[in-house]
């Protein structure tokens, strides 16, 4: 099954040689964890779309154990706030709180909209 959703990257971890495991808070599915294959290669099609604090459209395959990110389109990057330490700390704390206090696939459109506005 393939699905398309809007989301904000909460967490991004390197995995194996060229992959990343990302945690995304989505509008339609709540918090999801997915793998992006080959994202750390120099010719990767993902660019910075899987970095923390990035608001994107994601095209994702439902996997057996973990979903797989197929395509992304950046809508807005909040990472530029890293130039201002206080704003970056606030944004990083917001995504950390959402990551810790939500369960996988628990849909809350209000929380998604609040997070987007807060960033």
PDB file of N, CA and C in Angstrom:
ATOM      1  N   UNK A   1       0.840  -1.187   0.000  1.00  0.00           N
ATOM      2  CA  UNK A   1       0.000   0.000   0.000  1.00  0.00           C
ATOM      3  C   UNK A   1       0.881   1.246   0.000  1.00  0.00           C
ATOM      4  N   UNK A   2       0.535   2.189  -0.814  1.00  0.00           N
ATOM      5  CA  UNK A   2       1.250   3.452  -0.941  1.00  0.00           C
ATOM      6  C   UNK A   2       0.347   4.558  -0.410  1.00  0.00           C
ATOM      7  N   UNK A   3       0.909   5.439   0.409  1.00  0.00           N
ATOM      8  CA  UNK A   3       0.105   6.563   0.886  1.00  0.00           C
ATOM      9  C   UNK A   3       0.905   7.862   0.851  1.00  0.00           C
ATOM     10  N   UNK A   4       0.167   8.966   0.732  1.00  0.00           N
ATOM     11  CA  UNK A   4       0.755  10.300   0.642  1.00  0.00           C
ATOM     12  C   UNK A   4       0.248  11.107   1.822  1.00  0.00           C
ATOM     13  N   UNK A   5       1.142  11.808   2.503  1.00  0.00           N
ATOM     14  CA  UNK A   5       0.733  12.576   3.659  1.00  0.00           C
ATOM     15  C   UNK A   5       1.664  13.759   3.893  1.00  0.00           C
ATOM     16  N   UNK A   6       1.152  14.743   4.583  1.00  0.00           N
ATOM     17  CA  UNK A   6       1.919  15.918   4.979  1.00  0.00           C
ATOM     18  C   UNK A   6       2.469  15.657   6.375  1.00  0.00           C
ATOM     19  N   UNK A   7       3.715  16.044   6.626  1.00  0.00           N
ATOM     20  CA  UNK A   7       4.277  15.795   7.944  1.00  0.00           C
ATOM     21  C   UNK A   7       5.481  16.658   8.270  1.00  0.00           C
ATOM     22  N   UNK A   8       5.876  16.591   9.542  1.00  0.00           N
ATOM     23  CA  UNK A   8       7.037  17.318  10.055  1.00  0.00           C
ATOM     24  C   UNK A   8       7.992  16.296  10.658  1.00  0.00           C
ATOM     25  N   UNK A   9       9.257  16.374  10.280  1.00  0.00           N
ATOM     26  CA  UNK A   9      10.252  15.422  10.779  1.00  0.00           C
ATOM     27  C   UNK A   9      10.590  15.763  12.229  1.00  0.00           C
ATOM     28  N   UNK A  10      10.348  14.785  13.119  1.00  0.00           N
ATOM     29  CA  UNK A  10      10.636  14.950  14.536  1.00  0.00           C
ATOM     30  C   UNK A  10      12.033  14.464  14.899  1.00  0.00           C
ATOM     31  N   UNK A  11      12.470  13.414  14.219  1.00  0.00           N
ATOM     32  CA  UNK A  11      13.735  12.774  14.573  1.00  0.00           C
ATOM     33  C   UNK A  11      14.312  12.110  13.331  1.00  0.00           C
ATOM     34  N   UNK A  12      15.628  12.119  13.218  1.00  0.00           N
ATOM     35  CA  UNK A  12      16.303  11.512  12.077  1.00  0.00           C
ATOM     36  C   UNK A  12      17.580  10.841  12.571  1.00  0.00           C
ATOM     37  N   UNK A  13      17.714   9.546  12.299  1.00  0.00           N
ATOM     38  CA  UNK A  13      18.888   8.792  12.753  1.00  0.00           C
ATOM     39  C   UNK A  13      19.535   8.068  11.583  1.00  0.00           C
ATOM     40  N   UNK A  14      20.850   8.073  11.552  1.00  0.00           N
ATOM     41  CA  UNK A  14      21.567   7.317  10.531  1.00  0.00           C
ATOM     42  C   UNK A  14      21.381   5.833  10.793  1.00  0.00           C
ATOM     43  N   UNK A  15      21.273   5.066   9.710  1.00  0.00           N
ATOM     44  CA  UNK A  15      21.078   3.628   9.818  1.00  0.00           C
ATOM     45  C   UNK A  15      21.890   2.949   8.723  1.00  0.00           C
ATOM     46  N   UNK A  16      22.678   1.993   9.128  1.00  0.00           N
ATOM     47  CA  UNK A  16      23.554   1.269   8.215  1.00  0.00           C
ATOM     48  C   UNK A  16      24.394   2.239   7.390  1.00  0.00           C
ATOM     49  N   UNK A  17      24.783   1.822   6.193  1.00  0.00           N
ATOM     50  CA  UNK A  17      25.751   2.599   5.421  1.00  0.00           C
ATOM     51  C   UNK A  17      25.180   3.878   4.808  1.00  0.00           C
ATOM     52  N   UNK A  18      23.980   3.830   4.275  1.00  0.00           N
ATOM     53  CA  UNK A  18      23.485   4.991   3.523  1.00  0.00           C
ATOM     54  C   UNK A  18      22.040   5.362   3.832  1.00  0.00           C
ATOM     55  N   UNK A  19      21.435   4.728   4.830  1.00  0.00           N
ATOM     56  CA  UNK A  19      20.011   4.937   5.101  1.00  0.00           C
ATOM     57  C   UNK A  19      19.795   5.817   6.328  1.00  0.00           C
ATOM     58  N   UNK A  20      18.557   6.248   6.499  1.00  0.00           N
ATOM     59  CA  UNK A  20      18.136   6.981   7.689  1.00  0.00           C
ATOM     60  C   UNK A  20      16.798   6.435   8.147  1.00  0.00           C
ATOM     61  N   UNK A  21      16.620   6.402   9.445  1.00  0.00           N
ATOM     62  CA  UNK A  21      15.310   6.110  10.019  1.00  0.00           C
ATOM     63  C   UNK A  21      14.775   7.436  10.541  1.00  0.00           C
ATOM     64  N   UNK A  22      13.577   7.788  10.088  1.00  0.00           N
ATOM     65  CA  UNK A  22      12.989   9.068  10.464  1.00  0.00           C
ATOM     66  C   UNK A  22      11.670   8.857  11.203  1.00  0.00           C
ATOM     67  N   UNK A  23      11.435   9.744  12.156  1.00  0.00           N
ATOM     68  CA  UNK A  23      10.152   9.787  12.844  1.00  0.00           C
ATOM     69  C   UNK A  23       9.464  11.056  12.364  1.00  0.00           C
ATOM     70  N   UNK A  24       8.256  10.886  11.852  1.00  0.00           N
ATOM     71  CA  UNK A  24       7.523  11.989  11.229  1.00  0.00           C
ATOM     72  C   UNK A  24       6.162  12.114  11.908  1.00  0.00           C
ATOM     73  N   UNK A  25       5.788  13.340  12.271  1.00  0.00           N
ATOM     74  CA  UNK A  25       4.429  13.550  12.772  1.00  0.00           C
ATOM     75  C   UNK A  25       3.590  14.011  11.590  1.00  0.00           C
ATOM     76  N   UNK A  26       2.630  13.174  11.198  1.00  0.00           N
ATOM     77  CA  UNK A  26       1.846  13.442   9.994  1.00  0.00           C
ATOM     78  C   UNK A  26       0.438  13.920  10.330  1.00  0.00           C
ATOM     79  N   UNK A  27      -0.126  14.622   9.402  1.00  0.00           N
ATOM     80  CA  UNK A  27      -1.487  15.135   9.553  1.00  0.00           C
ATOM     81  C   UNK A  27      -2.521  14.009   9.532  1.00  0.00           C
ATOM     82  N   UNK A  28      -2.318  13.018   8.666  1.00  0.00           N
ATOM     83  CA  UNK A  28      -3.326  11.983   8.448  1.00  0.00           C
ATOM     84  C   UNK A  28      -3.118  10.687   9.226  1.00  0.00           C
ATOM     85  N   UNK A  29      -1.892  10.436   9.705  1.00  0.00           N
ATOM     86  CA  UNK A  29      -1.593   9.146  10.336  1.00  0.00           C
ATOM     87  C   UNK A  29      -0.959   9.271  11.715  1.00  0.00           C
ATOM     88  N   UNK A  30      -0.790  10.482  12.211  1.00  0.00           N
ATOM     89  CA  UNK A  30      -0.122  10.657  13.491  1.00  0.00           C
ATOM     90  C   UNK A  30       1.372  10.421  13.342  1.00  0.00           C
ATOM     91  N   UNK A  31       1.996   9.955  14.409  1.00  0.00           N
ATOM     92  CA  UNK A  31       3.443   9.728  14.385  1.00  0.00           C
ATOM     93  C   UNK A  31       3.753   8.409  13.694  1.00  0.00           C
ATOM     94  N   UNK A  32       4.668   8.458  12.735  1.00  0.00           N
ATOM     95  CA  UNK A  32       5.093   7.235  12.053  1.00  0.00           C
ATOM     96  C   UNK A  32       6.618   7.182  12.027  1.00  0.00           C
ATOM     97  N   UNK A  33       7.140   5.980  11.970  1.00  0.00           N
ATOM     98  CA  UNK A  33       8.573   5.764  11.806  1.00  0.00           C
ATOM     99  C   UNK A  33       8.768   5.077  10.472  1.00  0.00           C
ATOM    100  N   UNK A  34       9.720   5.568   9.694  1.00  0.00           N
ATOM    101  CA  UNK A  34       9.952   5.017   8.356  1.00  0.00           C
ATOM    102  C   UNK A  34      11.442   5.044   8.043  1.00  0.00           C
ATOM    103  N   UNK A  35      11.824   4.240   7.085  1.00  0.00           N
ATOM    104  CA  UNK A  35      13.213   4.212   6.637  1.00  0.00           C
ATOM    105  C   UNK A  35      13.299   4.857   5.259  1.00  0.00           C
ATOM    106  N   UNK A  36      14.364   5.619   5.063  1.00  0.00           N
ATOM    107  CA  UNK A  36      14.647   6.213   3.751  1.00  0.00           C
ATOM    108  C   UNK A  36      15.943   5.586   3.265  1.00  0.00           C
ATOM    109  N   UNK A  37      15.850   4.838   2.204  1.00  0.00           N
ATOM    110  CA  UNK A  37      17.011   4.099   1.702  1.00  0.00           C
ATOM    111  C   UNK A  37      17.865   4.973   0.785  1.00  0.00           C
ATOM    112  N   UNK A  38      19.175   4.909   0.992  1.00  0.00           N
ATOM    113  CA  UNK A  38      20.121   5.626   0.150  1.00  0.00           C
ATOM    114  C   UNK A  38      20.173   7.124   0.357  1.00  0.00           C
ATOM    115  N   UNK A  39      19.562   7.610   1.415  1.00  0.00           N
ATOM    116  CA  UNK A  39      19.447   9.053   1.634  1.00  0.00           C
ATOM    117  C   UNK A  39      20.802   9.723   1.890  1.00  0.00           C
ATOM    118  N   UNK A  40      21.770   8.983   2.386  1.00  0.00           N
ATOM    119  CA  UNK A  40      23.067   9.576   2.706  1.00  0.00           C
ATOM    120  C   UNK A  40      24.069   9.473   1.559  1.00  0.00           C
ATOM    121  N   UNK A  41      23.648   8.958   0.426  1.00  0.00           N
ATOM    122  CA  UNK A  41      24.520   8.921  -0.752  1.00  0.00           C
ATOM    123  C   UNK A  41      24.554  10.308  -1.385  1.00  0.00           C
ATOM    124  N   UNK A  42      25.649  10.624  -2.061  1.00  0.00           N
ATOM    125  CA  UNK A  42      25.798  11.966  -2.635  1.00  0.00           C
ATOM    126  C   UNK A  42      24.751  12.287  -3.693  1.00  0.00           C
ATOM    127  N   UNK A  43      24.268  11.298  -4.394  1.00  0.00           N
ATOM    128  CA  UNK A  43      23.274  11.536  -5.448  1.00  0.00           C
ATOM    129  C   UNK A  43      21.841  11.259  -4.980  1.00  0.00           C
ATOM    130  N   UNK A  44      21.608  11.350  -3.693  1.00  0.00           N
ATOM    131  CA  UNK A  44      20.286  11.072  -3.133  1.00  0.00           C
ATOM    132  C   UNK A  44      19.252  12.084  -3.627  1.00  0.00           C
ATOM    133  N   UNK A  45      18.048  11.592  -3.880  1.00  0.00           N
ATOM    134  CA  UNK A  45      16.954  12.455  -4.341  1.00  0.00           C
ATOM    135  C   UNK A  45      16.267  13.179  -3.187  1.00  0.00           C
ATOM    136  N   UNK A  46      16.604  12.813  -1.941  1.00  0.00           N
ATOM    137  CA  UNK A  46      15.905  13.372  -0.789  1.00  0.00           C
ATOM    138  C   UNK A  46      16.430  14.735  -0.344  1.00  0.00           C
ATOM    139  N   UNK A  47      17.695  15.029  -0.575  1.00  0.00           N
ATOM    140  CA  UNK A  47      18.266  16.295  -0.139  1.00  0.00           C
ATOM    141  C   UNK A  47      18.080  16.489   1.356  1.00  0.00           C
ATOM    142  N   UNK A  48      17.620  17.667   1.749  1.00  0.00           N
ATOM    143  CA  UNK A  48      17.439  17.963   3.175  1.00  0.00           C
ATOM    144  C   UNK A  48      16.007  17.715   3.648  1.00  0.00           C
ATOM    145  N   UNK A  49      15.204  17.066   2.843  1.00  0.00           N
ATOM    146  CA  UNK A  49      13.787  16.889   3.178  1.00  0.00           C
ATOM    147  C   UNK A  49      13.548  15.967   4.370  1.00  0.00           C
ATOM    148  N   UNK A  50      14.566  15.231   4.796  1.00  0.00           N
ATOM    149  CA  UNK A  50      14.406  14.320   5.932  1.00  0.00           C
ATOM    150  C   UNK A  50      15.168  14.786   7.165  1.00  0.00           C
ATOM    151  N   UNK A  51      15.545  16.066   7.179  1.00  0.00           N
ATOM    152  CA  UNK A  51      16.208  16.630   8.348  1.00  0.00           C
ATOM    153  C   UNK A  51      15.159  17.064   9.365  1.00  0.00           C
ATOM    154  N   UNK A  52      15.558  17.072  10.632  1.00  0.00           N
ATOM    155  CA  UNK A  52      14.657  17.492  11.702  1.00  0.00           C
ATOM    156  C   UNK A  52      14.124  18.904  11.394  1.00  0.00           C
ATOM    157  N   UNK A  53      12.903  19.160  11.782  1.00  0.00           N
ATOM    158  CA  UNK A  53      12.225  20.451  11.617  1.00  0.00           C
ATOM    159  C   UNK A  53      11.881  20.784  10.165  1.00  0.00           C
ATOM    160  N   UNK A  54      11.749  19.768   9.332  1.00  0.00           N
ATOM    161  CA  UNK A  54      11.370  19.998   7.936  1.00  0.00           C
ATOM    162  C   UNK A  54       9.923  19.564   7.713  1.00  0.00           C
ATOM    163  N   UNK A  55       9.138  20.447   7.130  1.00  0.00           N
ATOM    164  CA  UNK A  55       7.724  20.212   6.834  1.00  0.00           C
ATOM    165  C   UNK A  55       7.636  19.834   5.358  1.00  0.00           C
ATOM    166  N   UNK A  56       7.168  18.619   5.079  1.00  0.00           N
ATOM    167  CA  UNK A  56       7.179  18.103   3.709  1.00  0.00           C
ATOM    168  C   UNK A  56       5.924  17.305   3.395  1.00  0.00           C
ATOM    169  N   UNK A  57       5.780  16.985   2.115  1.00  0.00           N
ATOM    170  CA  UNK A  57       4.811  15.991   1.656  1.00  0.00           C
ATOM    171  C   UNK A  57       5.609  14.706   1.457  1.00  0.00           C
ATOM    172  N   UNK A  58       5.113  13.610   2.001  1.00  0.00           N
ATOM    173  CA  UNK A  58       5.809  12.326   1.935  1.00  0.00           C
ATOM    174  C   UNK A  58       4.975  11.319   1.157  1.00  0.00           C
ATOM    175  N   UNK A  59       5.632  10.560   0.302  1.00  0.00           N
ATOM    176  CA  UNK A  59       5.033   9.419  -0.377  1.00  0.00           C
ATOM    177  C   UNK A  59       5.693   8.197   0.251  1.00  0.00           C
ATOM    178  N   UNK A  60       4.883   7.345   0.906  1.00  0.00           N
ATOM    179  CA  UNK A  60       5.415   6.271   1.746  1.00  0.00           C
ATOM    180  C   UNK A  60       4.752   4.944   1.405  1.00  0.00           C
ATOM    181  N   UNK A  61       5.579   3.907   1.340  1.00  0.00           N
ATOM    182  CA  UNK A  61       5.076   2.539   1.176  1.00  0.00           C
ATOM    183  C   UNK A  61       4.887   1.924   2.553  1.00  0.00           C
ATOM    184  N   UNK A  62       3.762   1.274   2.757  1.00  0.00           N
ATOM    185  CA  UNK A  62       3.515   0.550   4.002  1.00  0.00           C
ATOM    186  C   UNK A  62       4.321  -0.740   3.950  1.00  0.00           C
ATOM    187  N   UNK A  63       5.283  -0.889   4.842  1.00  0.00           N
ATOM    188  CA  UNK A  63       6.121  -2.081   4.875  1.00  0.00           C
ATOM    189  C   UNK A  63       5.631  -3.080   5.910  1.00  0.00           C
ATOM    190  N   UNK A  64       6.213  -4.269   5.888  1.00  0.00           N
ATOM    191  CA  UNK A  64       5.839  -5.296   6.873  1.00  0.00           C
ATOM    192  C   UNK A  64       6.230  -4.887   8.283  1.00  0.00           C
ATOM    193  N   UNK A  65       7.493  -4.499   8.440  1.00  0.00           N
ATOM    194  CA  UNK A  65       7.991  -4.124   9.765  1.00  0.00           C
ATOM    195  C   UNK A  65       8.132  -2.615   9.940  1.00  0.00           C
ATOM    196  N   UNK A  66       8.540  -1.961   8.879  1.00  0.00           N
ATOM    197  CA  UNK A  66       8.735  -0.510   8.927  1.00  0.00           C
ATOM    198  C   UNK A  66       8.357   0.072   7.564  1.00  0.00           C
ATOM    199  N   UNK A  67       7.742   1.244   7.581  1.00  0.00           N
ATOM    200  CA  UNK A  67       7.363   1.900   6.331  1.00  0.00           C
ATOM    201  C   UNK A  67       8.609   2.417   5.605  1.00  0.00           C
ATOM    202  N   UNK A  68       8.472   2.654   4.301  1.00  0.00           N
ATOM    203  CA  UNK A  68       9.602   3.078   3.474  1.00  0.00           C
ATOM    204  C   UNK A  68       9.248   4.386   2.769  1.00  0.00           C
ATOM    205  N   UNK A  69      10.065   5.413   3.003  1.00  0.00           N
ATOM    206  CA  UNK A  69       9.866   6.704   2.339  1.00  0.00           C
ATOM    207  C   UNK A  69      10.311   6.574   0.890  1.00  0.00           C
ATOM    208  N   UNK A  70       9.402   6.892  -0.026  1.00  0.00           N
ATOM    209  CA  UNK A  70       9.691   6.771  -1.449  1.00  0.00           C
ATOM    210  C   UNK A  70      10.063   8.116  -2.074  1.00  0.00           C
ATOM    211  N   UNK A  71       9.286   9.148  -1.754  1.00  0.00           N
ATOM    212  CA  UNK A  71       9.521  10.487  -2.307  1.00  0.00           C
ATOM    213  C   UNK A  71       9.155  11.534  -1.273  1.00  0.00           C
ATOM    214  N   UNK A  72       9.755  12.706  -1.420  1.00  0.00           N
ATOM    215  CA  UNK A  72       9.431  13.832  -0.541  1.00  0.00           C
ATOM    216  C   UNK A  72       9.404  15.124  -1.347  1.00  0.00           C
ATOM    217  N   UNK A  73       8.658  16.067  -0.827  1.00  0.00           N
ATOM    218  CA  UNK A  73       8.630  17.411  -1.410  1.00  0.00           C
ATOM    219  C   UNK A  73       8.587  18.394  -0.249  1.00  0.00           C
ATOM    220  N   UNK A  74       9.627  19.205  -0.120  1.00  0.00           N
ATOM    221  CA  UNK A  74       9.707  20.153   0.993  1.00  0.00           C
ATOM    222  C   UNK A  74       8.677  21.265   0.809  1.00  0.00           C
ATOM    223  N   UNK A  75       7.910  21.505   1.866  1.00  0.00           N
ATOM    224  CA  UNK A  75       6.986  22.634   1.886  1.00  0.00           C
ATOM    225  C   UNK A  75       7.637  23.820   2.589  1.00  0.00           C
ATOM    226  N   UNK A  76       8.339  23.512   3.704  1.00  0.00           N
ATOM    227  CA  UNK A  76       8.987  24.564   4.487  1.00  0.00           C
ATOM    228  C   UNK A  76      10.017  23.923   5.403  1.00  0.00           C
ATOM    229  N   UNK A  77      11.148  24.583   5.554  1.00  0.00           N
ATOM    230  CA  UNK A  77      12.158  24.099   6.487  1.00  0.00           C
ATOM    231  C   UNK A  77      12.251  25.078   7.641  1.00  0.00           C
ATOM    232  N   UNK A  78      12.063  24.566   8.845  1.00  0.00           N
ATOM    233  CA  UNK A  78      12.177  25.396  10.042  1.00  0.00           C
ATOM    234  C   UNK A  78      13.590  25.325  10.600  1.00  0.00           C
ATOM    235  N   UNK A  79      14.468  24.583   9.928  1.00  0.00           N
ATOM    236  CA  UNK A  79      15.836  24.400  10.397  1.00  0.00           C
ATOM    237  C   UNK A  79      16.623  25.697  10.320  1.00  0.00           C
ATOM    238  N   UNK A  80      16.211  26.627   9.484  1.00  0.00           N
ATOM    239  CA  UNK A  80      16.920  27.905   9.365  1.00  0.00           C
ATOM    240  C   UNK A  80      16.894  28.677  10.676  1.00  0.00           C
ATOM    241  N   UNK A  81      15.968  28.294  11.567  1.00  0.00           N
ATOM    242  CA  UNK A  81      15.922  28.941  12.877  1.00  0.00           C
ATOM    243  C   UNK A  81      17.166  28.618  13.687  1.00  0.00           C
ATOM    244  N   UNK A  82      18.006  27.677  13.218  1.00  0.00           N
ATOM    245  CA  UNK A  82      19.223  27.324  13.947  1.00  0.00           C
ATOM    246  C   UNK A  82      20.190  28.505  14.016  1.00  0.00           C
ATOM    247  N   UNK A  83      19.989  29.509  13.163  1.00  0.00           N
ATOM    248  CA  UNK A  83      20.835  30.701  13.205  1.00  0.00           C
ATOM    249  C   UNK A  83      20.532  31.524  14.450  1.00  0.00           C
ATOM    250  N   UNK A  84      19.345  31.373  14.973  1.00  0.00           N
ATOM    251  CA  UNK A  84      18.967  32.064  16.198  1.00  0.00           C
ATOM    252  C   UNK A  84      18.785  31.002  17.271  1.00  0.00           C
ATOM    253  N   UNK A  85      19.700  30.968  18.206  1.00  0.00           N
ATOM    254  CA  UNK A  85      19.785  29.883  19.181  1.00  0.00           C
ATOM    255  C   UNK A  85      18.496  29.703  19.978  1.00  0.00           C
ATOM    256  N   UNK A  86      17.896  30.761  20.428  1.00  0.00           N
ATOM    257  CA  UNK A  86      16.689  30.646  21.259  1.00  0.00           C
ATOM    258  C   UNK A  86      15.532  30.062  20.453  1.00  0.00           C
ATOM    259  N   UNK A  87      15.343  30.535  19.227  1.00  0.00           N
ATOM    260  CA  UNK A  87      14.266  30.001  18.383  1.00  0.00           C
ATOM    261  C   UNK A  87      14.506  28.530  18.053  1.00  0.00           C
ATOM    262  N   UNK A  88      15.767  28.186  17.780  1.00  0.00           N
ATOM    263  CA  UNK A  88      16.088  26.791  17.479  1.00  0.00           C
ATOM    264  C   UNK A  88      15.830  25.899  18.694  1.00  0.00           C
ATOM    265  N   UNK A  89      16.222  26.359  19.878  1.00  0.00           N
ATOM    266  CA  UNK A  89      16.000  25.580  21.102  1.00  0.00           C
ATOM    267  C   UNK A  89      14.504  25.370  21.333  1.00  0.00           C
ATOM    268  N   UNK A  90      13.704  26.401  21.106  1.00  0.00           N
ATOM    269  CA  UNK A  90      12.252  26.284  21.255  1.00  0.00           C
ATOM    270  C   UNK A  90      11.689  25.260  20.272  1.00  0.00           C
ATOM    271  N   UNK A  91      12.096  25.365  19.009  1.00  0.00           N
ATOM    272  CA  UNK A  91      11.605  24.441  17.978  1.00  0.00           C
ATOM    273  C   UNK A  91      12.030  23.008  18.280  1.00  0.00           C
ATOM    274  N   UNK A  92      13.278  22.819  18.688  1.00  0.00           N
ATOM    275  CA  UNK A  92      13.774  21.479  19.021  1.00  0.00           C
ATOM    276  C   UNK A  92      13.013  20.899  20.208  1.00  0.00           C
ATOM    277  N   UNK A  93      12.707  21.728  21.189  1.00  0.00           N
ATOM    278  CA  UNK A  93      11.926  21.265  22.339  1.00  0.00           C
ATOM    279  C   UNK A  93      10.509  20.893  21.931  1.00  0.00           C
ATOM    280  N   UNK A  94       9.911  21.660  21.034  1.00  0.00           N
ATOM    281  CA  UNK A  94       8.556  21.349  20.560  1.00  0.00           C
ATOM    282  C   UNK A  94       8.501  19.965  19.920  1.00  0.00           C
ATOM    283  N   UNK A  95       9.434  19.679  19.010  1.00  0.00           N
ATOM    284  CA  UNK A  95       9.393  18.375  18.339  1.00  0.00           C
ATOM    285  C   UNK A  95       9.738  17.244  19.301  1.00  0.00           C
ATOM    286  N   UNK A  96      10.605  17.512  20.274  1.00  0.00           N
ATOM    287  CA  UNK A  96      10.952  16.484  21.268  1.00  0.00           C
ATOM    288  C   UNK A  96       9.742  16.139  22.136  1.00  0.00           C
ATOM    289  N   UNK A  97       8.992  17.146  22.554  1.00  0.00           N
ATOM    290  CA  UNK A  97       7.790  16.911  23.363  1.00  0.00           C
ATOM    291  C   UNK A  97       6.764  16.102  22.574  1.00  0.00           C
ATOM    292  N   UNK A  98       6.529  16.477  21.329  1.00  0.00           N
ATOM    293  CA  UNK A  98       5.575  15.739  20.496  1.00  0.00           C
ATOM    294  C   UNK A  98       6.047  14.301  20.308  1.00  0.00           C
ATOM    295  N   UNK A  99       7.327  14.109  20.071  1.00  0.00           N
ATOM    296  CA  UNK A  99       7.864  12.764  19.876  1.00  0.00           C
ATOM    297  C   UNK A  99       7.688  11.899  21.125  1.00  0.00           C
ATOM    298  N   UNK A 100       7.952  12.465  22.282  1.00  0.00           N
ATOM    299  CA  UNK A 100       7.879  11.682  23.525  1.00  0.00           C
ATOM    300  C   UNK A 100       6.451  11.429  24.008  1.00  0.00           C
ATOM    301  N   UNK A 101       5.550  12.347  23.731  1.00  0.00           N
ATOM    302  CA  UNK A 101       4.208  12.243  24.306  1.00  0.00           C
ATOM    303  C   UNK A 101       3.153  11.658  23.374  1.00  0.00           C
ATOM    304  N   UNK A 102       3.541  11.262  22.183  1.00  0.00           N
ATOM    305  CA  UNK A 102       2.568  10.676  21.263  1.00  0.00           C
ATOM    306  C   UNK A 102       2.931   9.233  20.956  1.00  0.00           C
ATOM    307  N   UNK A 103       1.920   8.456  20.655  1.00  0.00           N
ATOM    308  CA  UNK A 103       2.102   7.052  20.281  1.00  0.00           C
ATOM    309  C   UNK A 103       2.076   6.938  18.760  1.00  0.00           C
ATOM    310  N   UNK A 104       2.653   5.870  18.253  1.00  0.00           N
ATOM    311  CA  UNK A 104       2.630   5.602  16.810  1.00  0.00           C
ATOM    312  C   UNK A 104       1.182   5.517  16.315  1.00  0.00           C
ATOM    313  N   UNK A 105       0.932   6.143  15.180  1.00  0.00           N
ATOM    314  CA  UNK A 105      -0.354   6.080  14.467  1.00  0.00           C
ATOM    315  C   UNK A 105      -1.536   6.634  15.265  1.00  0.00           C
ATOM    316  N   UNK A 106      -1.270   7.476  16.234  1.00  0.00           N
ATOM    317  CA  UNK A 106      -2.328   8.130  17.003  1.00  0.00           C
ATOM    318  C   UNK A 106      -2.608   9.477  16.331  1.00  0.00           C
ATOM    319  N   UNK A 107      -3.721   9.564  15.626  1.00  0.00           N
ATOM    320  CA  UNK A 107      -4.030  10.747  14.812  1.00  0.00           C
ATOM    321  C   UNK A 107      -4.556  11.884  15.686  1.00  0.00           C
ATOM    322  N   UNK A 108      -3.985  13.082  15.492  1.00  0.00           N
ATOM    323  CA  UNK A 108      -4.438  14.270  16.200  1.00  0.00           C
ATOM    324  C   UNK A 108      -4.143  15.475  15.300  1.00  0.00           C
ATOM    325  N   UNK A 109      -5.105  15.819  14.458  1.00  0.00           N
ATOM    326  CA  UNK A 109      -4.916  16.912  13.498  1.00  0.00           C
ATOM    327  C   UNK A 109      -4.682  18.237  14.215  1.00  0.00           C
ATOM    328  N   UNK A 110      -5.353  18.431  15.340  1.00  0.00           N
ATOM    329  CA  UNK A 110      -5.160  19.656  16.119  1.00  0.00           C
ATOM    330  C   UNK A 110      -3.720  19.805  16.587  1.00  0.00           C
ATOM    331  N   UNK A 111      -3.130  18.717  17.057  1.00  0.00           N
ATOM    332  CA  UNK A 111      -1.734  18.748  17.500  1.00  0.00           C
ATOM    333  C   UNK A 111      -0.801  19.015  16.322  1.00  0.00           C
ATOM    334  N   UNK A 112      -1.086  18.398  15.182  1.00  0.00           N
ATOM    335  CA  UNK A 112      -0.268  18.646  13.988  1.00  0.00           C
ATOM    336  C   UNK A 112      -0.300  20.131  13.632  1.00  0.00           C
ATOM    337  N   UNK A 113      -1.488  20.714  13.594  1.00  0.00           N
ATOM    338  CA  UNK A 113      -1.622  22.136  13.248  1.00  0.00           C
ATOM    339  C   UNK A 113      -0.942  23.035  14.283  1.00  0.00           C
ATOM    340  N   UNK A 114      -1.058  22.676  15.562  1.00  0.00           N
ATOM    341  CA  UNK A 114      -0.410  23.438  16.628  1.00  0.00           C
ATOM    342  C   UNK A 114       1.113  23.393  16.476  1.00  0.00           C
ATOM    343  N   UNK A 115       1.647  22.211  16.210  1.00  0.00           N
ATOM    344  CA  UNK A 115       3.093  22.069  16.018  1.00  0.00           C
ATOM    345  C   UNK A 115       3.563  22.906  14.828  1.00  0.00           C
ATOM    346  N   UNK A 116       2.825  22.837  13.737  1.00  0.00           N
ATOM    347  CA  UNK A 116       3.187  23.592  12.529  1.00  0.00           C
ATOM    348  C   UNK A 116       3.191  25.097  12.810  1.00  0.00           C
ATOM    349  N   UNK A 117       2.202  25.572  13.534  1.00  0.00           N
ATOM    350  CA  UNK A 117       2.122  27.000  13.853  1.00  0.00           C
ATOM    351  C   UNK A 117       3.207  27.419  14.842  1.00  0.00           C
ATOM    352  N   UNK A 118       3.517  26.539  15.799  1.00  0.00           N
ATOM    353  CA  UNK A 118       4.535  26.859  16.804  1.00  0.00           C
ATOM    354  C   UNK A 118       5.916  26.999  16.178  1.00  0.00           C
ATOM    355  N   UNK A 119       6.172  26.198  15.151  1.00  0.00           N
ATOM    356  CA  UNK A 119       7.494  26.258  14.515  1.00  0.00           C
ATOM    357  C   UNK A 119       7.603  27.488  13.630  1.00  0.00           C
TER     358      UNK A 119
END
